[in-house]
Structures are given as structure tokens and as C-alpha cells.
Amino acid sequence: MDKNGPIIVGVDGSTASFDAVRWATRAAELRGAPLTLVSVYQITDVYTTFAAMPPQLGSPLRLEVNKSLEAASAIAKAAAKDADSLSIVTEAIVGAAIPTLVERSASARMIVVGTRGNGEYFAELLGSVSAAVSERAECPVAIISGIPQTGEREGPVVLGVDGSSASSRAVGVAFEEASLRGSELVAVHTWAHDAELWKNHSESDKEALASAQNAAASVVLTESLAGWQEQYPDVHVNRVVEHGGAVSKIRELSTSARTVVVGSRGRGGFSGLLLGSTSRSLSHLLECPLIIARGPKNE
């Protein structure tokens, strides 16, 4: 991830990708970052392997791609608070969307994609792209859904915390997002009991054990947030520690959230947020944008 890099949006002409453009426009303005709108497409003739081709070739497809990028640029300018000060670049690239976006992520501040896509003219559906890029990118990946035409939602930023070292990146991303958006931060840590352990205890013992586990979970959350509040004194933090499933709790909170932020790996209460089937489900289930806080491979 390059802190001075652009925010890159995958554009394929779908409504979902245009929603991603609206959200990314505001994200770029708040960070003082340039906005790059990228459309990756494939052709079936001899030029398929080239990164660029003469403009007169592949005319119908190239025309469709250019129209989508022009529409996306117009949407970004309309959504911007100050369009004159926002740098907007459009790029049409021949190739495969997933490796292209993953490669670009190394020099990007953030990759932004929609949850669904248009497969008629473009390399892959954005739905599949969002899942694959989320697993391999070297910068945070925002998967956008449930935003109004303004690109803004009200409500807090919801952060899933699991206590792992990997989740510290998510904590930083969430604090920055809450600070930039002027939102409250809701930090969530859930815990689950060991069924085999619990079945051999009396009800009173189970209550004591639950109380101890809840207290331990509270410590995990406190330690995970340590130091960040001092860096972002403007962010009010609401801490939530509960017994139960992390995914169901996040989904519940997402209905009134501005954004949800999770890490790219997990353990404990958030082990289900490893970037596998559960996080792919989250990207479709959540009713607000989801930011997966990825970073460079060597970190």
C-alpha cells in the first residue's frame, strides 16, 4: 500500500461499480488522494496478450468500455464536493481484472469495487473480482453496497476486533475512516464457549465461567484499541463485547452502520472472518460498505 497512491475503482458499467465510484470519490477527497477509474476488459483476437492496442481495433468493445469510463468520470465529478480540486484519471486496460487490480494494489492507497458486475463486455463479473482481490491485494479493499446516490451513509463505523496482530491494521483503518467521516466507532469483539468444556459444568459454574470469559474478551478489546484513541482523540468509541457469532453481530450492526471494517485474517471470536466463504458471504450480506484491511505481503 502506498499512502500517497491513488484510490483505484474497478469500473465495468454496472450500477454496482458506479456506486463504488460515488463512495470512492468522497474517500479520495477526504484523504487528498487522486482517483483512478480502471476498466479491465478482454478481446478475442490476436491483440489479446497486449496491454494496449491501436484504438481502431476492437471498436465495439472499446467503445463500450470508453462509454463506461466517461459515465464513471461524470458520476465522480457530480459526487465530488470540489470537482476542480479532485484529480480523476481513467484507464482502459486489456487483460484480466483480478491480476490487474492486484498488481495495481501495491501502489494504491485503496482498491474499491462493487459487489456485483456486468459480465457482458468485461473480463469478469465484479462480484467474483471483489472476492478474489480481497484475498490477494496489498492495500485495503472496499466492497461497496447499500449506499445512496450521494455516496454517503449515516451511522457509525463498525470494527470487528479479534485480538490478533493482523487485526491491528483493521483498527488503524477503522479509526482513520471514523475520523475522516466524523463518525462514532463501534468496536466489536465476540467470544464463544467450548461446548465440551461447558457440558461438564453446573449452571452456576457456567455463569461464573461466562463472566470470566466475557471479562477476558473485554481485556482483548481494550488491548487491541490501546494507543489508537490517543492518535484519534476526535473519535468516540463504543465498545461491544458479546457472546455469540461475530458474523451475525456484524450483520446486525451493519443495518445502521456507515461502514464495516475487518482484518484480512482472524482468530478466536473472529476466526470466521478469514477470507474464505464467510467473508465472501459478508460482502453480499452486509447492508453497507465493507473495508477489508489488507496490506503489503511482507508485513
C-alpha atoms as a PDB file:
ATOM      1  CA  MET A   1       0.000   0.000   0.000  1.00  0.00           C
ATOM      2  CA  ASP A   2       1.195   3.472  -0.903  1.00  0.00           C
ATOM      3  CA  LYS A   3      -0.111   6.173   1.437  1.00  0.00           C
ATOM      4  CA  ASN A   4       0.450   8.691  -1.359  1.00  0.00           C
ATOM      5  CA  GLY A   5      -1.074   6.474  -4.019  1.00  0.00           C
ATOM      6  CA  PRO A   6      -4.452   6.814  -5.723  1.00  0.00           C
ATOM      7  CA  ILE A   7      -7.748   5.290  -4.756  1.00  0.00           C
ATOM      8  CA  ILE A   8      -8.472   2.877  -7.602  1.00  0.00           C
ATOM      9  CA  VAL A   9     -12.021   1.924  -8.599  1.00  0.00           C
ATOM     10  CA  GLY A  10     -12.915  -1.057 -10.767  1.00  0.00           C
ATOM     11  CA  VAL A  11     -15.462   0.095 -13.363  1.00  0.00           C
ATOM     12  CA  ASP A  12     -17.450  -2.261 -15.586  1.00  0.00           C
ATOM     13  CA  GLY A  13     -20.521  -0.223 -16.473  1.00  0.00           C
ATOM     14  CA  SER A  14     -22.744  -1.824 -13.823  1.00  0.00           C
ATOM     15  CA  THR A  15     -24.817   0.064 -11.280  1.00  0.00           C
ATOM     16  CA  ALA A  16     -22.706  -1.530  -8.528  1.00  0.00           C
ATOM     17  CA  SER A  17     -19.477  -0.173  -9.998  1.00  0.00           C
ATOM     18  CA  PHE A  18     -20.991   3.311 -10.311  1.00  0.00           C
ATOM     19  CA  ASP A  19     -21.986   3.088  -6.618  1.00  0.00           C
ATOM     20  CA  ALA A  20     -18.343   2.247  -5.920  1.00  0.00           C
ATOM     21  CA  VAL A  21     -17.275   5.358  -7.855  1.00  0.00           C
ATOM     22  CA  ARG A  22     -19.542   7.590  -5.727  1.00  0.00           C
ATOM     23  CA  TRP A  23     -18.184   6.164  -2.471  1.00  0.00           C
ATOM     24  CA  ALA A  24     -14.580   6.282  -3.668  1.00  0.00           C
ATOM     25  CA  THR A  25     -14.929   9.896  -4.771  1.00  0.00           C
ATOM     26  CA  ARG A  26     -15.664  11.020  -1.236  1.00  0.00           C
ATOM     27  CA  ALA A  27     -12.992   8.706   0.163  1.00  0.00           C
ATOM     28  CA  ALA A  28     -10.432  10.267  -2.189  1.00  0.00           C
ATOM     29  CA  GLU A  29     -11.453  13.831  -1.315  1.00  0.00           C
ATOM     30  CA  LEU A  30     -11.241  13.168   2.420  1.00  0.00           C
ATOM     31  CA  ARG A  31      -7.746  11.722   2.048  1.00  0.00           C
ATOM     32  CA  GLY A  32      -6.487  14.247  -0.508  1.00  0.00           C
ATOM     33  CA  ALA A  33      -5.800  11.332  -2.840  1.00  0.00           C
ATOM     34  CA  PRO A  34      -6.185  11.138  -6.630  1.00  0.00           C
ATOM     35  CA  LEU A  35      -8.974   8.959  -8.027  1.00  0.00           C
ATOM     36  CA  THR A  36      -8.210   6.410 -10.747  1.00  0.00           C
ATOM     37  CA  LEU A  37     -11.093   4.749 -12.603  1.00  0.00           C
ATOM     38  CA  VAL A  38      -9.962   1.484 -14.182  1.00  0.00           C
ATOM     39  CA  SER A  39     -11.832  -0.702 -16.662  1.00  0.00           C
ATOM     40  CA  VAL A  40     -10.195  -4.033 -17.486  1.00  0.00           C
ATOM     41  CA  TYR A  41     -11.520  -5.976 -20.457  1.00  0.00           C
ATOM     42  CA  GLN A  42     -10.623  -8.836 -22.761  1.00  0.00           C
ATOM     43  CA  ILE A  43     -10.701  -9.190 -26.530  1.00  0.00           C
ATOM     44  CA  THR A  44     -10.663 -12.394 -28.540  1.00  0.00           C
ATOM     45  CA  ASP A  45      -8.344 -11.558 -31.401  1.00  0.00           C
ATOM     46  CA  VAL A  46      -4.578 -11.569 -31.890  1.00  0.00           C
ATOM     47  CA  TYR A  47      -4.145  -8.492 -29.654  1.00  0.00           C
ATOM     48  CA  THR A  48      -5.439 -10.214 -26.509  1.00  0.00           C
ATOM     49  CA  THR A  49      -1.993 -10.514 -24.946  1.00  0.00           C
ATOM     50  CA  PHE A  50      -1.073  -6.857 -25.422  1.00  0.00           C
ATOM     51  CA  ALA A  51      -1.542  -4.264 -22.668  1.00  0.00           C
ATOM     52  CA  ALA A  52      -2.515  -1.716 -25.318  1.00  0.00           C
ATOM     53  CA  MET A  53      -3.828  -1.881 -28.876  1.00  0.00           C
ATOM     54  CA  PRO A  54      -4.484   0.522 -31.743  1.00  0.00           C
ATOM     55  CA  PRO A  55      -7.695   2.457 -30.978  1.00  0.00           C
ATOM     56  CA  GLN A  56      -9.348   1.419 -34.264  1.00  0.00           C
ATOM     57  CA  LEU A  57      -9.234  -2.281 -33.280  1.00  0.00           C
ATOM     58  CA  GLY A  58     -11.830  -3.957 -31.102  1.00  0.00           C
ATOM     59  CA  SER A  59     -14.032  -0.951 -31.818  1.00  0.00           C
ATOM     60  CA  PRO A  60     -17.432  -2.074 -30.400  1.00  0.00           C
ATOM     61  CA  LEU A  61     -15.901  -3.337 -27.178  1.00  0.00           C
ATOM     62  CA  ARG A  62     -13.507  -0.420 -26.775  1.00  0.00           C
ATOM     63  CA  LEU A  63     -16.380   1.992 -27.424  1.00  0.00           C
ATOM     64  CA  GLU A  64     -18.431   0.322 -24.684  1.00  0.00           C
ATOM     65  CA  VAL A  65     -15.504   0.497 -22.275  1.00  0.00           C
ATOM     66  CA  ASN A  66     -14.891   4.161 -23.031  1.00  0.00           C
ATOM     67  CA  LYS A  67     -18.576   4.953 -22.500  1.00  0.00           C
ATOM     68  CA  SER A  68     -18.499   3.304 -19.098  1.00  0.00           C
ATOM     69  CA  LEU A  69     -15.389   5.226 -18.088  1.00  0.00           C
ATOM     70  CA  GLU A  70     -16.882   8.506 -19.322  1.00  0.00           C
ATOM     71  CA  ALA A  71     -20.041   7.802 -17.327  1.00  0.00           C
ATOM     72  CA  ALA A  72     -17.985   6.917 -14.251  1.00  0.00           C
ATOM     73  CA  SER A  73     -15.952  10.115 -14.581  1.00  0.00           C
ATOM     74  CA  ALA A  74     -19.133  12.181 -14.834  1.00  0.00           C
ATOM     75  CA  ILE A  75     -20.520  10.458 -11.740  1.00  0.00           C
ATOM     76  CA  ALA A  76     -17.316  11.201  -9.816  1.00  0.00           C
ATOM     77  CA  LYS A  77     -17.388  14.870 -10.790  1.00  0.00           C
ATOM     78  CA  ALA A  78     -21.042  15.136  -9.775  1.00  0.00           C
ATOM     79  CA  ALA A  79     -20.386  13.423  -6.440  1.00  0.00           C
ATOM     80  CA  ALA A  80     -17.307  15.488  -5.578  1.00  0.00           C
ATOM     81  CA  LYS A  81     -17.620  18.355  -3.119  1.00  0.00           C
ATOM     82  CA  ASP A  82     -14.998  20.241  -5.154  1.00  0.00           C
ATOM     83  CA  ALA A  83     -14.589  18.624  -8.561  1.00  0.00           C
ATOM     84  CA  ASP A  84     -11.946  21.161  -9.636  1.00  0.00           C
ATOM     85  CA  SER A  85      -9.527  20.063  -6.931  1.00  0.00           C
ATOM     86  CA  LEU A  86     -10.028  16.309  -7.377  1.00  0.00           C
ATOM     87  CA  SER A  87      -7.645  14.548  -9.763  1.00  0.00           C
ATOM     88  CA  ILE A  88      -9.596  11.977 -11.823  1.00  0.00           C
ATOM     89  CA  VAL A  89      -7.801   9.620 -14.206  1.00  0.00           C
ATOM     90  CA  THR A  90      -9.451   6.962 -16.397  1.00  0.00           C
ATOM     91  CA  GLU A  91      -7.672   3.870 -17.704  1.00  0.00           C
ATOM     92  CA  ALA A  92      -8.872   1.194 -20.146  1.00  0.00           C
ATOM     93  CA  ILE A  93      -6.666  -1.889 -19.870  1.00  0.00           C
ATOM     94  CA  VAL A  94      -6.734  -5.064 -21.959  1.00  0.00           C
ATOM     95  CA  GLY A  95      -6.261  -8.074 -19.703  1.00  0.00           C
ATOM     96  CA  ALA A  96      -7.801  -9.889 -16.763  1.00  0.00           C
ATOM     97  CA  ALA A  97      -9.363  -7.817 -13.993  1.00  0.00           C
ATOM     98  CA  ILE A  98      -8.148  -9.765 -10.974  1.00  0.00           C
ATOM     99  CA  PRO A  99      -4.370  -9.854 -11.638  1.00  0.00           C
ATOM    100  CA  THR A 100      -4.503  -6.295 -12.951  1.00  0.00           C
ATOM    101  CA  LEU A 101      -6.150  -4.882  -9.817  1.00  0.00           C
ATOM    102  CA  VAL A 102      -3.952  -6.991  -7.537  1.00  0.00           C
ATOM    103  CA  GLU A 103      -0.842  -5.684  -9.294  1.00  0.00           C
ATOM    104  CA  ARG A 104      -2.063  -2.095  -9.048  1.00  0.00           C
ATOM    105  CA  SER A 105      -2.863  -2.531  -5.341  1.00  0.00           C
ATOM    106  CA  ALA A 106       0.841  -2.439  -4.451  1.00  0.00           C
ATOM    107  CA  SER A 107       0.979   1.255  -5.367  1.00  0.00           C
ATOM    108  CA  ALA A 108      -2.594   2.174  -4.393  1.00  0.00           C
ATOM    109  CA  ARG A 109      -3.977   3.641  -1.208  1.00  0.00           C
ATOM    110  CA  MET A 110      -7.174   1.632  -1.577  1.00  0.00           C
ATOM    111  CA  ILE A 111      -8.968  -0.561  -4.133  1.00  0.00           C
ATOM    112  CA  VAL A 112     -12.733  -0.017  -4.403  1.00  0.00           C
ATOM    113  CA  VAL A 113     -15.096  -2.449  -6.147  1.00  0.00           C
ATOM    114  CA  GLY A 114     -18.808  -3.180  -6.301  1.00  0.00           C
ATOM    115  CA  THR A 115     -20.483  -6.358  -5.126  1.00  0.00           C
ATOM    116  CA  ARG A 116     -21.922  -7.312  -8.498  1.00  0.00           C
ATOM    117  CA  GLY A 117     -20.877  -6.624 -12.054  1.00  0.00           C
ATOM    118  CA  ASN A 118     -21.642  -6.606 -15.753  1.00  0.00           C
ATOM    119  CA  GLY A 119     -20.233  -9.658 -17.492  1.00  0.00           C
ATOM    120  CA  GLU A 120     -21.450  -8.824 -20.982  1.00  0.00           C
ATOM    121  CA  TYR A 121     -18.458  -6.787 -22.104  1.00  0.00           C
ATOM    122  CA  PHE A 122     -15.919  -7.061 -19.331  1.00  0.00           C
ATOM    123  CA  ALA A 123     -13.332  -9.576 -18.205  1.00  0.00           C
ATOM    124  CA  GLU A 124     -15.083 -10.875 -15.080  1.00  0.00           C
ATOM    125  CA  LEU A 125     -18.147 -10.129 -13.020  1.00  0.00           C
ATOM    126  CA  LEU A 126     -17.198  -7.633 -10.309  1.00  0.00           C
ATOM    127  CA  GLY A 127     -18.771  -9.947  -7.741  1.00  0.00           C
ATOM    128  CA  SER A 128     -16.086 -12.556  -8.367  1.00  0.00           C
ATOM    129  CA  VAL A 129     -13.441  -9.854  -8.729  1.00  0.00           C
ATOM    130  CA  SER A 130     -14.237  -8.351  -5.326  1.00  0.00           C
ATOM    131  CA  ALA A 131     -13.800 -11.726  -3.618  1.00  0.00           C
ATOM    132  CA  ALA A 132     -10.516 -12.553  -5.357  1.00  0.00           C
ATOM    133  CA  VAL A 133      -8.992  -9.081  -4.994  1.00  0.00           C
ATOM    134  CA  SER A 134      -9.938  -9.084  -1.295  1.00  0.00           C
ATOM    135  CA  GLU A 135      -7.811 -12.185  -0.831  1.00  0.00           C
ATOM    136  CA  ARG A 136      -4.721 -11.004  -2.716  1.00  0.00           C
ATOM    137  CA  ALA A 137      -4.498  -7.201  -2.681  1.00  0.00           C
ATOM    138  CA  GLU A 138      -1.662  -5.325  -0.965  1.00  0.00           C
ATOM    139  CA  CYS A 139      -3.821  -2.437   0.245  1.00  0.00           C
ATOM    140  CA  PRO A 140      -7.247  -2.087   1.876  1.00  0.00           C
ATOM    141  CA  VAL A 141     -10.126  -3.254  -0.315  1.00  0.00           C
ATOM    142  CA  ALA A 142     -13.548  -1.584  -0.043  1.00  0.00           C
ATOM    143  CA  ILE A 143     -16.522  -3.593  -1.302  1.00  0.00           C
ATOM    144  CA  ILE A 144     -19.431  -1.222  -1.795  1.00  0.00           C
ATOM    145  CA  SER A 145     -23.121  -1.910  -1.328  1.00  0.00           C
ATOM    146  CA  GLY A 146     -26.116  -0.185   0.197  1.00  0.00           C
ATOM    147  CA  ILE A 147     -25.181   3.439  -0.422  1.00  0.00           C
ATOM    148  CA  PRO A 148     -27.489   6.262  -1.555  1.00  0.00           C
ATOM    149  CA  GLN A 149     -26.922   8.323  -4.697  1.00  0.00           C
ATOM    150  CA  THR A 150     -24.841  10.793  -2.703  1.00  0.00           C
ATOM    151  CA  GLY A 151     -22.325   8.061  -1.893  1.00  0.00           C
ATOM    152  CA  GLU A 152     -22.734   8.754   1.827  1.00  0.00           C
ATOM    153  CA  ARG A 153     -24.451   6.764   4.572  1.00  0.00           C
ATOM    154  CA  GLU A 154     -25.101   7.927   8.095  1.00  0.00           C
ATOM    155  CA  GLY A 155     -24.194   5.960  11.197  1.00  0.00           C
ATOM    156  CA  PRO A 156     -21.061   4.661  12.916  1.00  0.00           C
ATOM    157  CA  VAL A 157     -18.055   2.812  11.570  1.00  0.00           C
ATOM    158  CA  VAL A 158     -18.237  -0.775  12.867  1.00  0.00           C
ATOM    159  CA  LEU A 159     -14.929  -2.531  13.553  1.00  0.00           C
ATOM    160  CA  GLY A 160     -14.527  -6.274  14.053  1.00  0.00           C
ATOM    161  CA  VAL A 161     -11.711  -6.990  16.520  1.00  0.00           C
ATOM    162  CA  ASP A 162     -10.257 -10.447  17.159  1.00  0.00           C
ATOM    163  CA  GLY A 163      -7.142  -9.620  19.183  1.00  0.00           C
ATOM    164  CA  SER A 164      -4.681 -10.932  16.600  1.00  0.00           C
ATOM    165  CA  SER A 165      -1.699  -8.932  15.399  1.00  0.00           C
ATOM    166  CA  ALA A 166      -3.260  -8.906  11.935  1.00  0.00           C
ATOM    167  CA  SER A 167      -6.304  -7.067  13.243  1.00  0.00           C
ATOM    168  CA  SER A 168      -4.218  -4.046  14.288  1.00  0.00           C
ATOM    169  CA  ARG A 169      -4.235  -2.907  10.663  1.00  0.00           C
ATOM    170  CA  ALA A 170      -8.030  -3.040  10.683  1.00  0.00           C
ATOM    171  CA  VAL A 171      -8.101  -0.971  13.873  1.00  0.00           C
ATOM    172  CA  GLY A 172      -5.997   1.727  12.232  1.00  0.00           C
ATOM    173  CA  VAL A 173      -8.124   1.752   9.088  1.00  0.00           C
ATOM    174  CA  ALA A 174     -11.322   1.972  11.144  1.00  0.00           C
ATOM    175  CA  PHE A 175     -10.078   4.873  13.298  1.00  0.00           C
ATOM    176  CA  GLU A 176      -8.967   6.776  10.212  1.00  0.00           C
ATOM    177  CA  GLU A 177     -12.302   6.155   8.495  1.00  0.00           C
ATOM    178  CA  ALA A 178     -14.283   7.262  11.550  1.00  0.00           C
ATOM    179  CA  SER A 179     -12.153  10.385  11.965  1.00  0.00           C
ATOM    180  CA  LEU A 180     -12.393  11.395   8.317  1.00  0.00           C
ATOM    181  CA  ARG A 181     -16.143  10.800   8.179  1.00  0.00           C
ATOM    182  CA  GLY A 182     -16.859  12.392  11.560  1.00  0.00           C
ATOM    183  CA  SER A 183     -18.441   9.167  12.823  1.00  0.00           C
ATOM    184  CA  GLU A 184     -18.589   7.193  16.028  1.00  0.00           C
ATOM    185  CA  LEU A 185     -16.574   3.965  16.075  1.00  0.00           C
ATOM    186  CA  VAL A 186     -18.267   0.804  17.338  1.00  0.00           C
ATOM    187  CA  ALA A 187     -15.569  -1.768  18.179  1.00  0.00           C
ATOM    188  CA  VAL A 188     -16.946  -5.311  18.441  1.00  0.00           C
ATOM    189  CA  HIS A 189     -15.389  -8.422  19.923  1.00  0.00           C
ATOM    190  CA  THR A 190     -17.380 -11.627  20.322  1.00  0.00           C
ATOM    191  CA  TRP A 191     -16.492 -14.800  22.131  1.00  0.00           C
ATOM    192  CA  ALA A 192     -17.776 -18.369  22.085  1.00  0.00           C
ATOM    193  CA  HIS A 193     -17.592 -21.061  24.740  1.00  0.00           C
ATOM    194  CA  ASP A 194     -16.187 -24.565  24.323  1.00  0.00           C
ATOM    195  CA  ALA A 195     -19.217 -26.875  24.165  1.00  0.00           C
ATOM    196  CA  GLU A 196     -17.265 -29.856  25.518  1.00  0.00           C
ATOM    197  CA  LEU A 197     -15.996 -27.813  28.454  1.00  0.00           C
ATOM    198  CA  TRP A 198     -19.404 -26.358  29.274  1.00  0.00           C
ATOM    199  CA  LYS A 199     -21.371 -29.595  29.261  1.00  0.00           C
ATOM    200  CA  ASN A 200     -19.455 -30.855  32.294  1.00  0.00           C
ATOM    201  CA  HIS A 201     -20.312 -27.836  34.457  1.00  0.00           C
ATOM    202  CA  SER A 202     -23.313 -26.968  36.581  1.00  0.00           C
ATOM    203  CA  GLU A 203     -25.466 -23.961  35.721  1.00  0.00           C
ATOM    204  CA  SER A 204     -23.870 -21.846  38.448  1.00  0.00           C
ATOM    205  CA  ASP A 205     -20.410 -22.834  37.221  1.00  0.00           C
ATOM    206  CA  LYS A 206     -21.405 -21.918  33.688  1.00  0.00           C
ATOM    207  CA  GLU A 207     -22.459 -18.452  34.825  1.00  0.00           C
ATOM    208  CA  ALA A 208     -19.111 -17.916  36.531  1.00  0.00           C
ATOM    209  CA  LEU A 209     -17.248 -19.256  33.501  1.00  0.00           C
ATOM    210  CA  ALA A 210     -19.228 -16.997  31.156  1.00  0.00           C
ATOM    211  CA  SER A 211     -18.478 -13.989  33.344  1.00  0.00           C
ATOM    212  CA  ALA A 212     -14.762 -14.819  33.291  1.00  0.00           C
ATOM    213  CA  GLN A 213     -14.723 -15.302  29.522  1.00  0.00           C
ATOM    214  CA  ASN A 214     -16.581 -12.043  28.990  1.00  0.00           C
ATOM    215  CA  ALA A 215     -14.068 -10.226  31.200  1.00  0.00           C
ATOM    216  CA  ALA A 216     -11.185 -11.773  29.258  1.00  0.00           C
ATOM    217  CA  ALA A 217     -12.798 -10.698  25.991  1.00  0.00           C
ATOM    218  CA  SER A 218     -13.112  -7.148  27.325  1.00  0.00           C
ATOM    219  CA  VAL A 219      -9.375  -7.146  28.032  1.00  0.00           C
ATOM    220  CA  VAL A 220      -8.669  -8.332  24.474  1.00  0.00           C
ATOM    221  CA  LEU A 221     -10.724  -5.485  23.068  1.00  0.00           C
ATOM    222  CA  THR A 222      -9.119  -2.893  25.350  1.00  0.00           C
ATOM    223  CA  GLU A 223      -5.616  -4.039  24.427  1.00  0.00           C
ATOM    224  CA  SER A 224      -6.467  -4.041  20.713  1.00  0.00           C
ATOM    225  CA  LEU A 225      -7.603  -0.411  20.867  1.00  0.00           C
ATOM    226  CA  ALA A 226      -4.749   0.770  23.095  1.00  0.00           C
ATOM    227  CA  GLY A 227      -2.962   3.814  21.718  1.00  0.00           C
ATOM    228  CA  TRP A 228      -5.367   4.457  18.867  1.00  0.00           C
ATOM    229  CA  GLN A 229      -7.707   6.651  20.888  1.00  0.00           C
ATOM    230  CA  GLU A 230      -4.770   8.963  21.647  1.00  0.00           C
ATOM    231  CA  GLN A 231      -3.972   9.199  17.920  1.00  0.00           C
ATOM    232  CA  TYR A 232      -7.591   9.983  17.087  1.00  0.00           C
ATOM    233  CA  PRO A 233      -8.979  11.923  20.079  1.00  0.00           C
ATOM    234  CA  ASP A 234     -11.877  13.174  17.953  1.00  0.00           C
ATOM    235  CA  VAL A 235     -13.299   9.646  17.570  1.00  0.00           C
ATOM    236  CA  HIS A 236     -15.805   8.480  20.170  1.00  0.00           C
ATOM    237  CA  VAL A 237     -15.505   4.711  20.711  1.00  0.00           C
ATOM    238  CA  ASN A 238     -18.377   2.470  21.756  1.00  0.00           C
ATOM    239  CA  ARG A 239     -17.072  -0.944  22.877  1.00  0.00           C
ATOM    240  CA  VAL A 240     -19.234  -4.029  22.404  1.00  0.00           C
ATOM    241  CA  VAL A 241     -18.296  -7.406  23.913  1.00  0.00           C
ATOM    242  CA  GLU A 242     -20.801 -10.228  23.464  1.00  0.00           C
ATOM    243  CA  HIS A 243     -21.128 -13.975  23.492  1.00  0.00           C
ATOM    244  CA  GLY A 244     -22.200 -15.291  20.120  1.00  0.00           C
ATOM    245  CA  GLY A 245     -21.349 -15.287  16.455  1.00  0.00           C
ATOM    246  CA  ALA A 246     -19.240 -12.477  15.051  1.00  0.00           C
ATOM    247  CA  VAL A 247     -20.770 -12.581  11.589  1.00  0.00           C
ATOM    248  CA  SER A 248     -24.349 -12.360  12.836  1.00  0.00           C
ATOM    249  CA  LYS A 249     -23.443  -9.477  15.159  1.00  0.00           C
ATOM    250  CA  ILE A 250     -21.690  -7.561  12.390  1.00  0.00           C
ATOM    251  CA  ARG A 251     -24.601  -8.128  10.055  1.00  0.00           C
ATOM    252  CA  GLU A 252     -26.993  -6.828  12.733  1.00  0.00           C
ATOM    253  CA  LEU A 253     -24.932  -3.676  13.276  1.00  0.00           C
ATOM    254  CA  SER A 254     -24.416  -3.115   9.551  1.00  0.00           C
ATOM    255  CA  THR A 255     -28.059  -2.194   9.030  1.00  0.00           C
ATOM    256  CA  SER A 256     -27.419   1.163  10.708  1.00  0.00           C
ATOM    257  CA  ALA A 257     -23.682   1.500  10.018  1.00  0.00           C
ATOM    258  CA  ARG A 258     -21.792   3.806   7.694  1.00  0.00           C
ATOM    259  CA  THR A 259     -19.027   1.247   7.076  1.00  0.00           C
ATOM    260  CA  VAL A 260     -17.800  -2.097   8.442  1.00  0.00           C
ATOM    261  CA  VAL A 261     -14.062  -2.746   8.776  1.00  0.00           C
ATOM    262  CA  VAL A 262     -12.491  -6.173   9.317  1.00  0.00           C
ATOM    263  CA  GLY A 263      -8.996  -7.626   9.050  1.00  0.00           C
ATOM    264  CA  SER A 264      -7.755  -9.946   6.352  1.00  0.00           C
ATOM    265  CA  ARG A 265      -7.040 -12.785   8.766  1.00  0.00           C
ATOM    266  CA  GLY A 266      -8.614 -13.726  12.065  1.00  0.00           C
ATOM    267  CA  ARG A 267      -8.664 -15.949  15.095  1.00  0.00           C
ATOM    268  CA  GLY A 268     -10.787 -16.606  18.143  1.00  0.00           C
ATOM    269  CA  GLY A 269     -14.187 -14.975  18.001  1.00  0.00           C
ATOM    270  CA  PHE A 270     -13.491 -13.684  14.528  1.00  0.00           C
ATOM    271  CA  SER A 271     -11.884 -16.811  13.083  1.00  0.00           C
ATOM    272  CA  GLY A 272     -14.827 -16.984  10.715  1.00  0.00           C
ATOM    273  CA  LEU A 273     -13.641 -13.768   9.099  1.00  0.00           C
ATOM    274  CA  LEU A 274     -10.713 -15.457   7.439  1.00  0.00           C
ATOM    275  CA  LEU A 275     -11.006 -14.524   3.792  1.00  0.00           C
ATOM    276  CA  GLY A 276     -12.905 -17.626   2.766  1.00  0.00           C
ATOM    277  CA  SER A 277     -16.563 -18.426   2.368  1.00  0.00           C
ATOM    278  CA  THR A 278     -17.672 -16.345   5.372  1.00  0.00           C
ATOM    279  CA  SER A 279     -16.142 -13.070   4.263  1.00  0.00           C
ATOM    280  CA  ARG A 280     -17.406 -13.640   0.739  1.00  0.00           C
ATOM    281  CA  SER A 281     -20.852 -14.049   2.250  1.00  0.00           C
ATOM    282  CA  LEU A 282     -20.381 -10.871   4.292  1.00  0.00           C
ATOM    283  CA  SER A 283     -19.612  -8.875   1.164  1.00  0.00           C
ATOM    284  CA  HIS A 284     -23.051  -9.806  -0.153  1.00  0.00           C
ATOM    285  CA  LEU A 285     -24.960  -9.845   3.138  1.00  0.00           C
ATOM    286  CA  LEU A 286     -23.910  -6.522   4.617  1.00  0.00           C
ATOM    287  CA  GLU A 287     -26.119  -3.512   4.035  1.00  0.00           C
ATOM    288  CA  CYS A 288     -23.233  -1.058   3.998  1.00  0.00           C
ATOM    289  CA  PRO A 289     -19.697  -0.803   2.559  1.00  0.00           C
ATOM    290  CA  LEU A 290     -17.174  -3.360   3.829  1.00  0.00           C
ATOM    291  CA  ILE A 291     -13.467  -2.485   4.106  1.00  0.00           C
ATOM    292  CA  ILE A 292     -11.057  -5.423   4.351  1.00  0.00           C
ATOM    293  CA  ALA A 293      -7.848  -4.042   5.813  1.00  0.00           C
ATOM    294  CA  ARG A 294      -5.154  -5.713   3.755  1.00  0.00           C
ATOM    295  CA  GLY A 295      -1.529  -4.611   3.444  1.00  0.00           C
ATOM    296  CA  PRO A 296       1.780  -5.469   1.786  1.00  0.00           C
ATOM    297  CA  LYS A 297       2.715  -9.173   1.628  1.00  0.00           C
ATOM    298  CA  ASN A 298       5.888  -8.644   3.615  1.00  0.00           C
ATOM    299  CA  GLU A 299       4.078  -7.126   6.589  1.00  0.00           C
END
